mmCIF file of all heavy atoms, coordinates in Angstrom:
data_MODEL
# 
_entry.id   MODEL 
# 
loop_
_atom_site.group_PDB 
_atom_site.id 
_atom_site.type_symbol 
_atom_site.label_atom_id 
_atom_site.label_alt_id 
_atom_site.label_comp_id 
_atom_site.label_asym_id 
_atom_site.label_entity_id 
_atom_site.label_seq_id 
_atom_site.pdbx_PDB_ins_code 
_atom_site.Cartn_x 
_atom_site.Cartn_y 
_atom_site.Cartn_z 
_atom_site.occupancy 
_atom_site.B_iso_or_equiv 
_atom_site.pdbx_formal_charge 
_atom_site.auth_seq_id 
_atom_site.auth_comp_id 
_atom_site.auth_asym_id 
_atom_site.auth_atom_id 
_atom_site.pdbx_PDB_model_num 
ATOM 1   N N   . GLY A 1 1  ? 1.135  8.447   -9.330 1.00 0.00 ? 1  GLY A N   1 
ATOM 2   C CA  . GLY A 1 1  ? 1.264  9.275   -8.139 1.00 0.00 ? 1  GLY A CA  1 
ATOM 3   C C   . GLY A 1 1  ? 0.826  8.624   -6.841 1.00 0.00 ? 1  GLY A C   1 
ATOM 4   O O   . GLY A 1 1  ? 0.975  9.217   -5.771 1.00 0.00 ? 1  GLY A O   1 
ATOM 5   N N   . ILE A 1 2  ? 0.276  7.377   -6.924 1.00 0.00 ? 2  ILE A N   1 
ATOM 6   C CA  . ILE A 1 2  ? -0.247 6.765   -5.700 1.00 0.00 ? 2  ILE A CA  1 
ATOM 7   C C   . ILE A 1 2  ? 0.881  6.410   -4.736 1.00 0.00 ? 2  ILE A C   1 
ATOM 8   O O   . ILE A 1 2  ? 0.718  6.491   -3.520 1.00 0.00 ? 2  ILE A O   1 
ATOM 9   C CB  . ILE A 1 2  ? -1.090 5.511   -6.037 1.00 0.00 ? 2  ILE A CB  1 
ATOM 10  C CG1 . ILE A 1 2  ? -1.974 5.115   -4.846 1.00 0.00 ? 2  ILE A CG1 1 
ATOM 11  C CG2 . ILE A 1 2  ? -0.211 4.343   -6.442 1.00 0.00 ? 2  ILE A CG2 1 
ATOM 12  C CD1 . ILE A 1 2  ? -3.125 6.018   -4.613 1.00 0.00 ? 2  ILE A CD1 1 
ATOM 13  N N   . ARG A 1 3  ? 2.048  6.058   -5.261 1.00 0.00 ? 3  ARG A N   1 
ATOM 14  C CA  . ARG A 1 3  ? 3.172  5.722   -4.387 1.00 0.00 ? 3  ARG A CA  1 
ATOM 15  C C   . ARG A 1 3  ? 3.613  6.946   -3.576 1.00 0.00 ? 3  ARG A C   1 
ATOM 16  O O   . ARG A 1 3  ? 3.905  6.844   -2.380 1.00 0.00 ? 3  ARG A O   1 
ATOM 17  C CB  . ARG A 1 3  ? 4.340  5.180   -5.220 1.00 0.00 ? 3  ARG A CB  1 
ATOM 18  C CG  . ARG A 1 3  ? 5.478  4.617   -4.374 1.00 0.00 ? 3  ARG A CG  1 
ATOM 19  C CD  . ARG A 1 3  ? 6.618  4.092   -5.236 1.00 0.00 ? 3  ARG A CD  1 
ATOM 20  N NE  . ARG A 1 3  ? 7.635  3.485   -4.410 1.00 0.00 ? 3  ARG A NE  1 
ATOM 21  C CZ  . ARG A 1 3  ? 7.677  2.202   -4.090 1.00 0.00 ? 3  ARG A CZ  1 
ATOM 22  N NH1 . ARG A 1 3  ? 6.732  1.365   -4.535 1.00 0.00 ? 3  ARG A NH1 1 
ATOM 23  N NH2 . ARG A 1 3  ? 8.619  1.721   -3.311 1.00 0.00 ? 3  ARG A NH2 1 
ATOM 24  N N   . ALA A 1 4  ? 3.633  8.103   -4.231 1.00 0.00 ? 4  ALA A N   1 
ATOM 25  C CA  . ALA A 1 4  ? 4.017  9.335   -3.529 1.00 0.00 ? 4  ALA A CA  1 
ATOM 26  C C   . ALA A 1 4  ? 3.002  9.676   -2.443 1.00 0.00 ? 4  ALA A C   1 
ATOM 27  O O   . ALA A 1 4  ? 3.356  10.154  -1.363 1.00 0.00 ? 4  ALA A O   1 
ATOM 28  C CB  . ALA A 1 4  ? 4.143  10.484  -4.522 1.00 0.00 ? 4  ALA A CB  1 
ATOM 29  N N   . ARG A 1 5  ? 1.728  9.412   -2.716 1.00 0.00 ? 5  ARG A N   1 
ATOM 30  C CA  . ARG A 1 5  ? 0.697  9.699   -1.719 1.00 0.00 ? 5  ARG A CA  1 
ATOM 31  C C   . ARG A 1 5  ? 0.856  8.791   -0.501 1.00 0.00 ? 5  ARG A C   1 
ATOM 32  O O   . ARG A 1 5  ? 0.642  9.223   0.630  1.00 0.00 ? 5  ARG A O   1 
ATOM 33  C CB  . ARG A 1 5  ? -0.695 9.524   -2.334 1.00 0.00 ? 5  ARG A CB  1 
ATOM 34  C CG  . ARG A 1 5  ? -0.954 10.445  -3.510 1.00 0.00 ? 5  ARG A CG  1 
ATOM 35  C CD  . ARG A 1 5  ? -2.398 10.463  -3.911 1.00 0.00 ? 5  ARG A CD  1 
ATOM 36  N NE  . ARG A 1 5  ? -3.183 11.260  -2.980 1.00 0.00 ? 5  ARG A NE  1 
ATOM 37  C CZ  . ARG A 1 5  ? -4.479 11.501  -3.139 1.00 0.00 ? 5  ARG A CZ  1 
ATOM 38  N NH1 . ARG A 1 5  ? -5.118 10.999  -4.180 1.00 0.00 ? 5  ARG A NH1 1 
ATOM 39  N NH2 . ARG A 1 5  ? -5.134 12.233  -2.277 1.00 0.00 ? 5  ARG A NH2 1 
ATOM 40  N N   . PHE A 1 6  ? 1.214  7.555   -0.753 1.00 0.00 ? 6  PHE A N   1 
ATOM 41  C CA  . PHE A 1 6  ? 1.431  6.644   0.379  1.00 0.00 ? 6  PHE A CA  1 
ATOM 42  C C   . PHE A 1 6  ? 2.651  7.071   1.195  1.00 0.00 ? 6  PHE A C   1 
ATOM 43  O O   . PHE A 1 6  ? 2.672  6.924   2.417  1.00 0.00 ? 6  PHE A O   1 
ATOM 44  C CB  . PHE A 1 6  ? 1.594  5.207   -0.120 1.00 0.00 ? 6  PHE A CB  1 
ATOM 45  C CG  . PHE A 1 6  ? 0.318  4.597   -0.640 1.00 0.00 ? 6  PHE A CG  1 
ATOM 46  C CD1 . PHE A 1 6  ? 0.336  3.640   -1.638 1.00 0.00 ? 6  PHE A CD1 1 
ATOM 47  C CD2 . PHE A 1 6  ? -0.906 4.992   -0.132 1.00 0.00 ? 6  PHE A CD2 1 
ATOM 48  C CE1 . PHE A 1 6  ? -0.839 3.084   -2.114 1.00 0.00 ? 6  PHE A CE1 1 
ATOM 49  C CE2 . PHE A 1 6  ? -2.094 4.449   -0.606 1.00 0.00 ? 6  PHE A CE2 1 
ATOM 50  C CZ  . PHE A 1 6  ? -2.053 3.490   -1.605 1.00 0.00 ? 6  PHE A CZ  1 
ATOM 51  N N   . SER A 1 7  ? 3.650  7.593   0.522  1.00 0.00 ? 7  SER A N   1 
ATOM 52  C CA  . SER A 1 7  ? 4.821  8.107   1.237  1.00 0.00 ? 7  SER A CA  1 
ATOM 53  C C   . SER A 1 7  ? 4.425  9.292   2.119  1.00 0.00 ? 7  SER A C   1 
ATOM 54  O O   . SER A 1 7  ? 4.907  9.431   3.251  1.00 0.00 ? 7  SER A O   1 
ATOM 55  C CB  . SER A 1 7  ? 5.905  8.528   0.243  1.00 0.00 ? 7  SER A CB  1 
ATOM 56  O OG  . SER A 1 7  ? 6.372  7.424   -0.506 1.00 0.00 ? 7  SER A OG  1 
ATOM 57  N N   . THR A 1 8  ? 3.542  10.128  1.594  1.00 0.00 ? 8  THR A N   1 
ATOM 58  C CA  . THR A 1 8  ? 3.050  11.268  2.361  1.00 0.00 ? 8  THR A CA  1 
ATOM 59  C C   . THR A 1 8  ? 2.299  10.797  3.600  1.00 0.00 ? 8  THR A C   1 
ATOM 60  O O   . THR A 1 8  ? 2.490  11.317  4.705  1.00 0.00 ? 8  THR A O   1 
ATOM 61  C CB  . THR A 1 8  ? 2.131  12.138  1.494  1.00 0.00 ? 8  THR A CB  1 
ATOM 62  O OG1 . THR A 1 8  ? 2.877  12.629  0.390  1.00 0.00 ? 8  THR A OG1 1 
ATOM 63  C CG2 . THR A 1 8  ? 1.583  13.308  2.293  1.00 0.00 ? 8  THR A CG2 1 
ATOM 64  N N   . LEU A 1 9  ? 1.436  9.794   3.420  1.00 0.00 ? 9  LEU A N   1 
ATOM 65  C CA  . LEU A 1 9  ? 0.689  9.249   4.552  1.00 0.00 ? 9  LEU A CA  1 
ATOM 66  C C   . LEU A 1 9  ? 1.625  8.637   5.586  1.00 0.00 ? 9  LEU A C   1 
ATOM 67  O O   . LEU A 1 9  ? 1.407  8.756   6.793  1.00 0.00 ? 9  LEU A O   1 
ATOM 68  C CB  . LEU A 1 9  ? -0.314 8.204   4.060  1.00 0.00 ? 9  LEU A CB  1 
ATOM 69  C CG  . LEU A 1 9  ? -1.490 8.742   3.238  1.00 0.00 ? 9  LEU A CG  1 
ATOM 70  C CD1 . LEU A 1 9  ? -2.274 7.598   2.612  1.00 0.00 ? 9  LEU A CD1 1 
ATOM 71  C CD2 . LEU A 1 9  ? -2.403 9.577   4.112  1.00 0.00 ? 9  LEU A CD2 1 
ATOM 72  N N   . ARG A 1 10 ? 2.671  7.985   5.109  1.00 0.00 ? 10 ARG A N   1 
ATOM 73  C CA  . ARG A 1 10 ? 3.638  7.376   6.029  1.00 0.00 ? 10 ARG A CA  1 
ATOM 74  C C   . ARG A 1 10 ? 4.326  8.451   6.858  1.00 0.00 ? 10 ARG A C   1 
ATOM 75  O O   . ARG A 1 10 ? 4.574  8.264   8.059  1.00 0.00 ? 10 ARG A O   1 
ATOM 76  C CB  . ARG A 1 10 ? 4.662  6.567   5.230  1.00 0.00 ? 10 ARG A CB  1 
ATOM 77  C CG  . ARG A 1 10 ? 5.521  5.628   6.076  1.00 0.00 ? 10 ARG A CG  1 
ATOM 78  C CD  . ARG A 1 10 ? 6.407  4.756   5.195  1.00 0.00 ? 10 ARG A CD  1 
ATOM 79  N NE  . ARG A 1 10 ? 5.616  3.934   4.305  1.00 0.00 ? 10 ARG A NE  1 
ATOM 80  C CZ  . ARG A 1 10 ? 5.561  4.084   2.980  1.00 0.00 ? 10 ARG A CZ  1 
ATOM 81  N NH1 . ARG A 1 10 ? 6.265  5.047   2.384  1.00 0.00 ? 10 ARG A NH1 1 
ATOM 82  N NH2 . ARG A 1 10 ? 4.807  3.299   2.239  1.00 0.00 ? 10 ARG A NH2 1 
ATOM 83  N N   . ALA A 1 11 ? 4.616  9.597   6.234  1.00 0.00 ? 11 ALA A N   1 
ATOM 84  C CA  . ALA A 1 11 ? 5.247  10.708  6.960  1.00 0.00 ? 11 ALA A CA  1 
ATOM 85  C C   . ALA A 1 11 ? 4.311  11.266  8.022  1.00 0.00 ? 11 ALA A C   1 
ATOM 86  O O   . ALA A 1 11 ? 4.755  11.850  9.012  1.00 0.00 ? 11 ALA A O   1 
ATOM 87  C CB  . ALA A 1 11 ? 5.646  11.813  5.980  1.00 0.00 ? 11 ALA A CB  1 
ATOM 88  N N   . MET A 1 12 ? 3.003  11.080  7.836  1.00 0.00 ? 12 MET A N   1 
ATOM 89  C CA  . MET A 1 12 ? 2.018  11.542  8.803  1.00 0.00 ? 12 MET A CA  1 
ATOM 90  C C   . MET A 1 12 ? 1.789  10.519  9.912  1.00 0.00 ? 12 MET A C   1 
ATOM 91  O O   . MET A 1 12 ? 0.974  10.748  10.809 1.00 0.00 ? 12 MET A O   1 
ATOM 92  C CB  . MET A 1 12 ? 0.684  11.818  8.090  1.00 0.00 ? 12 MET A CB  1 
ATOM 93  C CG  . MET A 1 12 ? 0.740  12.947  7.093  1.00 0.00 ? 12 MET A CG  1 
ATOM 94  S SD  . MET A 1 12 ? -0.606 12.873  5.866  1.00 0.00 ? 12 MET A SD  1 
ATOM 95  C CE  . MET A 1 12 ? -2.042 12.724  6.914  1.00 0.00 ? 12 MET A CE  1 
ATOM 96  N N   . GLY A 1 13 ? 2.462  9.376   9.816  1.00 0.00 ? 13 GLY A N   1 
ATOM 97  C CA  . GLY A 1 13 ? 2.283  8.340   10.822 1.00 0.00 ? 13 GLY A CA  1 
ATOM 98  C C   . GLY A 1 13 ? 1.103  7.429   10.546 1.00 0.00 ? 13 GLY A C   1 
ATOM 99  O O   . GLY A 1 13 ? 0.625  6.732   11.449 1.00 0.00 ? 13 GLY A O   1 
ATOM 100 N N   . ILE A 1 14 ? 0.601  7.414   9.298  1.00 0.00 ? 14 ILE A N   1 
ATOM 101 C CA  . ILE A 1 14 ? -0.548 6.586   8.936  1.00 0.00 ? 14 ILE A CA  1 
ATOM 102 C C   . ILE A 1 14 ? -0.065 5.351   8.184  1.00 0.00 ? 14 ILE A C   1 
ATOM 103 O O   . ILE A 1 14 ? 0.673  5.449   7.205  1.00 0.00 ? 14 ILE A O   1 
ATOM 104 C CB  . ILE A 1 14 ? -1.537 7.375   8.070  1.00 0.00 ? 14 ILE A CB  1 
ATOM 105 C CG1 . ILE A 1 14 ? -2.104 8.549   8.861  1.00 0.00 ? 14 ILE A CG1 1 
ATOM 106 C CG2 . ILE A 1 14 ? -2.663 6.482   7.578  1.00 0.00 ? 14 ILE A CG2 1 
ATOM 107 C CD1 . ILE A 1 14 ? -3.009 9.452   8.052  1.00 0.00 ? 14 ILE A CD1 1 
ATOM 108 N N   . LYS A 1 15 ? -0.502 4.191   8.640  1.00 0.00 ? 15 LYS A N   1 
ATOM 109 C CA  . LYS A 1 15 ? -0.142 2.924   8.006  1.00 0.00 ? 15 LYS A CA  1 
ATOM 110 C C   . LYS A 1 15 ? -1.174 2.587   6.938  1.00 0.00 ? 15 LYS A C   1 
ATOM 111 O O   . LYS A 1 15 ? -2.377 2.668   7.169  1.00 0.00 ? 15 LYS A O   1 
ATOM 112 C CB  . LYS A 1 15 ? -0.092 1.806   9.045  1.00 0.00 ? 15 LYS A CB  1 
ATOM 113 C CG  . LYS A 1 15 ? 0.281  0.444   8.476  1.00 0.00 ? 15 LYS A CG  1 
ATOM 114 C CD  . LYS A 1 15 ? 0.370  -0.606  9.578  1.00 0.00 ? 15 LYS A CD  1 
ATOM 115 C CE  . LYS A 1 15 ? 0.789  -1.963  9.020  1.00 0.00 ? 15 LYS A CE  1 
ATOM 116 N NZ  . LYS A 1 15 ? 0.908  -2.979  10.086 1.00 0.00 ? 15 LYS A NZ  1 
ATOM 117 N N   . THR A 1 16 ? -0.714 2.226   5.733  1.00 0.00 ? 16 THR A N   1 
ATOM 118 C CA  . THR A 1 16 ? -1.616 1.868   4.645  1.00 0.00 ? 16 THR A CA  1 
ATOM 119 C C   . THR A 1 16 ? -1.606 0.354   4.454  1.00 0.00 ? 16 THR A C   1 
ATOM 120 O O   . THR A 1 16 ? -0.547 -0.275  4.422  1.00 0.00 ? 16 THR A O   1 
ATOM 121 C CB  . THR A 1 16 ? -1.192 2.557   3.336  1.00 0.00 ? 16 THR A CB  1 
ATOM 122 O OG1 . THR A 1 16 ? 0.204  2.303   3.085  1.00 0.00 ? 16 THR A OG1 1 
ATOM 123 C CG2 . THR A 1 16 ? -1.418 4.057   3.431  1.00 0.00 ? 16 THR A CG2 1 
ATOM 124 N N   . VAL A 1 17 ? -2.806 -0.217  4.316  1.00 0.00 ? 17 VAL A N   1 
ATOM 125 C CA  . VAL A 1 17 ? -2.960 -1.660  4.151  1.00 0.00 ? 17 VAL A CA  1 
ATOM 126 C C   . VAL A 1 17 ? -3.819 -1.913  2.920  1.00 0.00 ? 17 VAL A C   1 
ATOM 127 O O   . VAL A 1 17 ? -4.961 -1.437  2.842  1.00 0.00 ? 17 VAL A O   1 
ATOM 128 C CB  . VAL A 1 17 ? -3.621 -2.301  5.386  1.00 0.00 ? 17 VAL A CB  1 
ATOM 129 C CG1 . VAL A 1 17 ? -3.742 -3.813  5.194  1.00 0.00 ? 17 VAL A CG1 1 
ATOM 130 C CG2 . VAL A 1 17 ? -2.830 -1.993  6.646  1.00 0.00 ? 17 VAL A CG2 1 
ATOM 131 N N   . MET A 1 18 ? -3.272 -2.622  1.951  1.00 0.00 ? 18 MET A N   1 
ATOM 132 C CA  . MET A 1 18 ? -4.022 -2.966  0.743  1.00 0.00 ? 18 MET A CA  1 
ATOM 133 C C   . MET A 1 18 ? -4.838 -4.227  0.992  1.00 0.00 ? 18 MET A C   1 
ATOM 134 O O   . MET A 1 18 ? -4.321 -5.226  1.502  1.00 0.00 ? 18 MET A O   1 
ATOM 135 C CB  . MET A 1 18 ? -3.061 -3.197  -0.425 1.00 0.00 ? 18 MET A CB  1 
ATOM 136 C CG  . MET A 1 18 ? -3.736 -3.506  -1.747 1.00 0.00 ? 18 MET A CG  1 
ATOM 137 S SD  . MET A 1 18 ? -2.556 -3.892  -3.073 1.00 0.00 ? 18 MET A SD  1 
ATOM 138 C CE  . MET A 1 18 ? -2.068 -5.569  -2.600 1.00 0.00 ? 18 MET A CE  1 
ATOM 139 N N   . VAL A 1 19 ? -6.108 -4.186  0.619  1.00 0.00 ? 19 VAL A N   1 
ATOM 140 C CA  . VAL A 1 19 ? -7.005 -5.325  0.778  1.00 0.00 ? 19 VAL A CA  1 
ATOM 141 C C   . VAL A 1 19 ? -7.377 -5.830  -0.609 1.00 0.00 ? 19 VAL A C   1 
ATOM 142 O O   . VAL A 1 19 ? -7.856 -5.067  -1.452 1.00 0.00 ? 19 VAL A O   1 
ATOM 143 C CB  . VAL A 1 19 ? -8.275 -4.924  1.556  1.00 0.00 ? 19 VAL A CB  1 
ATOM 144 C CG1 . VAL A 1 19 ? -9.211 -6.116  1.691  1.00 0.00 ? 19 VAL A CG1 1 
ATOM 145 C CG2 . VAL A 1 19 ? -7.909 -4.388  2.927  1.00 0.00 ? 19 VAL A CG2 1 
ATOM 146 N N   . THR A 1 20 ? -7.145 -7.113  -0.858 1.00 0.00 ? 20 THR A N   1 
ATOM 147 C CA  . THR A 1 20 ? -7.385 -7.667  -2.190 1.00 0.00 ? 20 THR A CA  1 
ATOM 148 C C   . THR A 1 20 ? -7.780 -9.134  -2.102 1.00 0.00 ? 20 THR A C   1 
ATOM 149 O O   . THR A 1 20 ? -7.437 -9.830  -1.133 1.00 0.00 ? 20 THR A O   1 
ATOM 150 C CB  . THR A 1 20 ? -6.126 -7.526  -3.075 1.00 0.00 ? 20 THR A CB  1 
ATOM 151 O OG1 . THR A 1 20 ? -6.363 -8.151  -4.341 1.00 0.00 ? 20 THR A OG1 1 
ATOM 152 C CG2 . THR A 1 20 ? -4.920 -8.189  -2.422 1.00 0.00 ? 20 THR A CG2 1 
ATOM 153 N N   . GLY A 1 21 ? -8.498 -9.586  -3.102 1.00 0.00 ? 21 GLY A N   1 
ATOM 154 C CA  . GLY A 1 21 ? -8.849 -10.998 -3.196 1.00 0.00 ? 21 GLY A CA  1 
ATOM 155 C C   . GLY A 1 21 ? -7.784 -11.808 -3.904 1.00 0.00 ? 21 GLY A C   1 
ATOM 156 O O   . GLY A 1 21 ? -7.920 -13.029 -4.040 1.00 0.00 ? 21 GLY A O   1 
ATOM 157 N N   . ASP A 1 22 ? -6.708 -11.169 -4.356 1.00 0.00 ? 22 ASP A N   1 
ATOM 158 C CA  . ASP A 1 22 ? -5.630 -11.885 -5.046 1.00 0.00 ? 22 ASP A CA  1 
ATOM 159 C C   . ASP A 1 22 ? -4.919 -12.852 -4.107 1.00 0.00 ? 22 ASP A C   1 
ATOM 160 O O   . ASP A 1 22 ? -4.992 -12.735 -2.881 1.00 0.00 ? 22 ASP A O   1 
ATOM 161 C CB  . ASP A 1 22 ? -4.605 -10.878 -5.597 1.00 0.00 ? 22 ASP A CB  1 
ATOM 162 C CG  . ASP A 1 22 ? -5.160 -10.064 -6.756 1.00 0.00 ? 22 ASP A CG  1 
ATOM 163 O OD1 . ASP A 1 22 ? -6.083 -10.553 -7.424 1.00 0.00 ? 22 ASP A OD1 1 
ATOM 164 O OD2 . ASP A 1 22 ? -4.667 -8.946  -6.972 1.00 0.00 ? 22 ASP A OD2 1 
ATOM 165 N N   . ASN A 1 23 ? -4.190 -13.778 -4.725 1.00 0.00 ? 23 ASN A N   1 
ATOM 166 C CA  . ASN A 1 23 ? -3.372 -14.693 -3.921 1.00 0.00 ? 23 ASN A CA  1 
ATOM 167 C C   . ASN A 1 23 ? -2.204 -13.920 -3.307 1.00 0.00 ? 23 ASN A C   1 
ATOM 168 O O   . ASN A 1 23 ? -1.846 -12.833 -3.780 1.00 0.00 ? 23 ASN A O   1 
ATOM 169 C CB  . ASN A 1 23 ? -2.871 -15.858 -4.784 1.00 0.00 ? 23 ASN A CB  1 
ATOM 170 C CG  . ASN A 1 23 ? -1.977 -15.383 -5.924 1.00 0.00 ? 23 ASN A CG  1 
ATOM 171 O OD1 . ASN A 1 23 ? -0.842 -14.947 -5.704 1.00 0.00 ? 23 ASN A OD1 1 
ATOM 172 N ND2 . ASN A 1 23 ? -2.492 -15.449 -7.144 1.00 0.00 ? 23 ASN A ND2 1 
ATOM 173 N N   . PRO A 1 24 ? -1.596 -14.451 -2.245 1.00 0.00 ? 24 PRO A N   1 
ATOM 174 C CA  . PRO A 1 24 ? -0.526 -13.719 -1.540 1.00 0.00 ? 24 PRO A CA  1 
ATOM 175 C C   . PRO A 1 24 ? 0.638  -13.316 -2.438 1.00 0.00 ? 24 PRO A C   1 
ATOM 176 O O   . PRO A 1 24 ? 1.220  -12.244 -2.252 1.00 0.00 ? 24 PRO A O   1 
ATOM 177 C CB  . PRO A 1 24 ? -0.085 -14.705 -0.457 1.00 0.00 ? 24 PRO A CB  1 
ATOM 178 C CG  . PRO A 1 24 ? -1.295 -15.541 -0.201 1.00 0.00 ? 24 PRO A CG  1 
ATOM 179 C CD  . PRO A 1 24 ? -1.956 -15.692 -1.540 1.00 0.00 ? 24 PRO A CD  1 
ATOM 180 N N   . LEU A 1 25 ? 0.978  -14.158 -3.404 1.00 0.00 ? 25 LEU A N   1 
ATOM 181 C CA  . LEU A 1 25 ? 2.113  -13.858 -4.278 1.00 0.00 ? 25 LEU A CA  1 
ATOM 182 C C   . LEU A 1 25 ? 1.824  -12.621 -5.123 1.00 0.00 ? 25 LEU A C   1 
ATOM 183 O O   . LEU A 1 25 ? 2.645  -11.694 -5.210 1.00 0.00 ? 25 LEU A O   1 
ATOM 184 C CB  . LEU A 1 25 ? 2.393  -15.064 -5.177 1.00 0.00 ? 25 LEU A CB  1 
ATOM 185 C CG  . LEU A 1 25 ? 3.741  -15.077 -5.912 1.00 0.00 ? 25 LEU A CG  1 
ATOM 186 C CD1 . LEU A 1 25 ? 4.891  -15.140 -4.927 1.00 0.00 ? 25 LEU A CD1 1 
ATOM 187 C CD2 . LEU A 1 25 ? 3.795  -16.260 -6.877 1.00 0.00 ? 25 LEU A CD2 1 
ATOM 188 N N   . THR A 1 26 ? 0.645  -12.600 -5.742 1.00 0.00 ? 26 THR A N   1 
ATOM 189 C CA  . THR A 1 26 ? 0.255  -11.448 -6.558 1.00 0.00 ? 26 THR A CA  1 
ATOM 190 C C   . THR A 1 26 ? 0.105  -10.198 -5.697 1.00 0.00 ? 26 THR A C   1 
ATOM 191 O O   . THR A 1 26 ? 0.543  -9.102  -6.064 1.00 0.00 ? 26 THR A O   1 
ATOM 192 C CB  . THR A 1 26 ? -1.066 -11.742 -7.293 1.00 0.00 ? 26 THR A CB  1 
ATOM 193 O OG1 . THR A 1 26 ? -0.889 -12.887 -8.134 1.00 0.00 ? 26 THR A OG1 1 
ATOM 194 C CG2 . THR A 1 26 ? -1.499 -10.558 -8.132 1.00 0.00 ? 26 THR A CG2 1 
ATOM 195 N N   . ALA A 1 27 ? -0.533 -10.364 -4.546 1.00 0.00 ? 27 ALA A N   1 
ATOM 196 C CA  . ALA A 1 27 ? -0.752 -9.228  -3.648 1.00 0.00 ? 27 ALA A CA  1 
ATOM 197 C C   . ALA A 1 27 ? 0.569  -8.613  -3.203 1.00 0.00 ? 27 ALA A C   1 
ATOM 198 O O   . ALA A 1 27 ? 0.707  -7.387  -3.132 1.00 0.00 ? 27 ALA A O   1 
ATOM 199 C CB  . ALA A 1 27 ? -1.564 -9.670  -2.434 1.00 0.00 ? 27 ALA A CB  1 
ATOM 200 N N   . ALA A 1 28 ? 1.562  -9.456  -2.896 1.00 0.00 ? 28 ALA A N   1 
ATOM 201 C CA  . ALA A 1 28 ? 2.862  -8.960  -2.437 1.00 0.00 ? 28 ALA A CA  1 
ATOM 202 C C   . ALA A 1 28 ? 3.546  -8.141  -3.522 1.00 0.00 ? 28 ALA A C   1 
ATOM 203 O O   . ALA A 1 28 ? 4.158  -7.098  -3.239 1.00 0.00 ? 28 ALA A O   1 
ATOM 204 C CB  . ALA A 1 28 ? 3.746  -10.129 -2.019 1.00 0.00 ? 28 ALA A CB  1 
ATOM 205 N N   . ALA A 1 29 ? 3.433  -8.578  -4.772 1.00 0.00 ? 29 ALA A N   1 
ATOM 206 C CA  . ALA A 1 29 ? 4.076  -7.863  -5.867 1.00 0.00 ? 29 ALA A CA  1 
ATOM 207 C C   . ALA A 1 29 ? 3.438  -6.489  -6.076 1.00 0.00 ? 29 ALA A C   1 
ATOM 208 O O   . ALA A 1 29 ? 4.132  -5.475  -6.234 1.00 0.00 ? 29 ALA A O   1 
ATOM 209 C CB  . ALA A 1 29 ? 3.982  -8.689  -7.149 1.00 0.00 ? 29 ALA A CB  1 
ATOM 210 N N   . ILE A 1 30 ? 2.111  -6.422  -6.052 1.00 0.00 ? 30 ILE A N   1 
ATOM 211 C CA  . ILE A 1 30 ? 1.423  -5.141  -6.249 1.00 0.00 ? 30 ILE A CA  1 
ATOM 212 C C   . ILE A 1 30 ? 1.671  -4.205  -5.068 1.00 0.00 ? 30 ILE A C   1 
ATOM 213 O O   . ILE A 1 30 ? 1.877  -3.000  -5.232 1.00 0.00 ? 30 ILE A O   1 
ATOM 214 C CB  . ILE A 1 30 ? -0.082 -5.373  -6.461 1.00 0.00 ? 30 ILE A CB  1 
ATOM 215 C CG1 . ILE A 1 30 ? -0.305 -6.154  -7.756 1.00 0.00 ? 30 ILE A CG1 1 
ATOM 216 C CG2 . ILE A 1 30 ? -0.840 -4.049  -6.500 1.00 0.00 ? 30 ILE A CG2 1 
ATOM 217 C CD1 . ILE A 1 30 ? -1.735 -6.534  -8.014 1.00 0.00 ? 30 ILE A CD1 1 
# 
């Protein structure tokens, strides 16, 4: 359900940014 929640936040005009220690390739996929 996390994807749907992010869609809801996007509809509210809120930008979501994932912060991770992974490498860029892994981070982009997730």
